Amino acid sequence: MIHNKCFRIRSKDLALVKFILEGYEGLATVTTIDRQAADIMISTSIDFSIDLDEIIEAIKKEFSLEGFRLLENEFSSREEE
């Protein structure tokens, strides 16, 4: 089962946060939902969700991460824009 979390970050931090998360190879996938708004979706296996939560909490100490819920079908409509 896949566990997704969505966050809004400062656009200047987008590449660095993605780089940090993807450095934990195999732990999570980071998808940019909206580049202008700097919205990302972090996906992981439910088996790694606790580990990912701990990493996200550490990242929040250095970067502004604001969680939000993505409504059903909203991701696909954003891709089409």
Protein backbone atom coordinates (compact mmCIF):
# COMPACT_ATOMS: atom_id res chain seq x y z
CA MET A 1 0.00 0.00 0.00
CA ILE A 2 1.26 3.50 -0.90
CA HIS A 3 1.15 6.36 1.60
CA ASN A 4 1.09 9.92 0.13
CA LYS A 5 1.64 13.25 1.87
CA CYS A 6 1.46 16.67 0.25
CA PHE A 7 3.42 19.74 1.27
CA ARG A 8 3.89 23.32 0.17
CA ILE A 9 7.44 24.61 0.53
CA ARG A 10 9.28 27.76 -0.48
CA SER A 11 10.07 27.54 -4.18
CA LYS A 12 13.75 28.31 -3.50
CA ASP A 13 13.91 25.15 -1.32
CA LEU A 14 12.16 22.82 -3.77
CA ALA A 15 15.24 21.28 -5.41
CA LEU A 16 17.15 20.89 -2.15
CA VAL A 17 14.27 19.22 -0.29
CA LYS A 18 13.73 16.82 -3.22
CA PHE A 19 17.46 16.07 -3.25
CA ILE A 20 17.51 15.33 0.49
CA LEU A 21 14.48 13.02 0.36
CA GLU A 22 15.62 11.19 -2.76
CA GLY A 23 19.00 10.67 -1.09
CA TYR A 24 17.29 8.09 1.12
CA GLU A 25 17.27 5.71 -1.83
CA GLY A 26 14.19 3.53 -2.00
CA LEU A 27 12.45 5.27 0.90
CA ALA A 28 10.24 7.72 -0.97
CA THR A 29 9.40 9.28 -4.29
CA VAL A 30 8.98 13.04 -4.53
CA THR A 31 6.68 14.42 -7.20
CA THR A 32 6.28 18.11 -7.97
CA ILE A 33 2.55 18.80 -8.15
CA ASP A 34 2.80 22.52 -8.90
CA ARG A 35 6.20 24.07 -9.58
CA GLN A 36 5.00 27.68 -9.19
CA ALA A 37 3.30 27.03 -5.84
CA ALA A 38 6.15 24.65 -4.85
CA ASP A 39 3.68 21.89 -3.99
CA ILE A 40 5.13 18.39 -3.68
CA MET A 41 3.73 14.95 -3.01
CA ILE A 42 5.88 12.46 -1.12
CA SER A 43 4.97 8.81 -1.68
CA THR A 44 6.27 5.84 0.26
CA SER A 45 5.37 2.30 1.11
CA ILE A 46 3.28 2.04 4.27
CA ASP A 47 6.18 -0.02 5.67
CA PHE A 48 8.43 3.07 5.59
CA SER A 49 5.88 5.69 6.65
CA ILE A 50 7.20 5.98 10.25
CA ASP A 51 10.77 6.43 9.00
CA LEU A 52 9.60 9.03 6.49
CA ASP A 53 7.65 10.90 9.16
CA GLU A 54 10.81 11.17 11.26
CA ILE A 55 12.80 12.50 8.31
CA ILE A 56 10.07 15.00 7.46
CA GLU A 57 10.07 16.27 11.05
CA ALA A 58 13.84 16.81 10.82
CA ILE A 59 13.46 18.62 7.49
CA LYS A 60 10.76 20.87 9.00
CA LYS A 61 13.38 22.18 11.44
CA GLU A 62 15.38 23.61 8.53
CA PHE A 63 12.74 24.29 5.86
CA SER A 64 9.19 25.55 5.77
CA LEU A 65 6.94 22.55 5.02
CA GLU A 66 3.20 23.12 5.19
CA GLY A 67 1.11 19.97 4.83
CA PHE A 68 -2.14 19.94 2.88
CA ARG A 69 -4.66 17.43 1.61
CA LEU A 70 -4.96 16.78 -2.09
CA LEU A 71 -8.55 16.27 -3.12
CA GLU A 72 -9.40 13.21 -5.15
CA ASN A 73 -8.63 13.75 -8.87
CA GLU A 74 -6.97 17.11 -8.11
CA PHE A 75 -3.50 15.79 -8.96
CA SER A 76 -4.57 14.62 -12.41
CA SER A 77 -6.26 17.94 -13.16
CA ARG A 78 -3.10 19.83 -12.13
CA GLU A 79 -1.01 17.68 -14.47
CA GLU A 80 -3.18 18.69 -17.42
CA GLU A 81 -2.57 22.44 -16.86
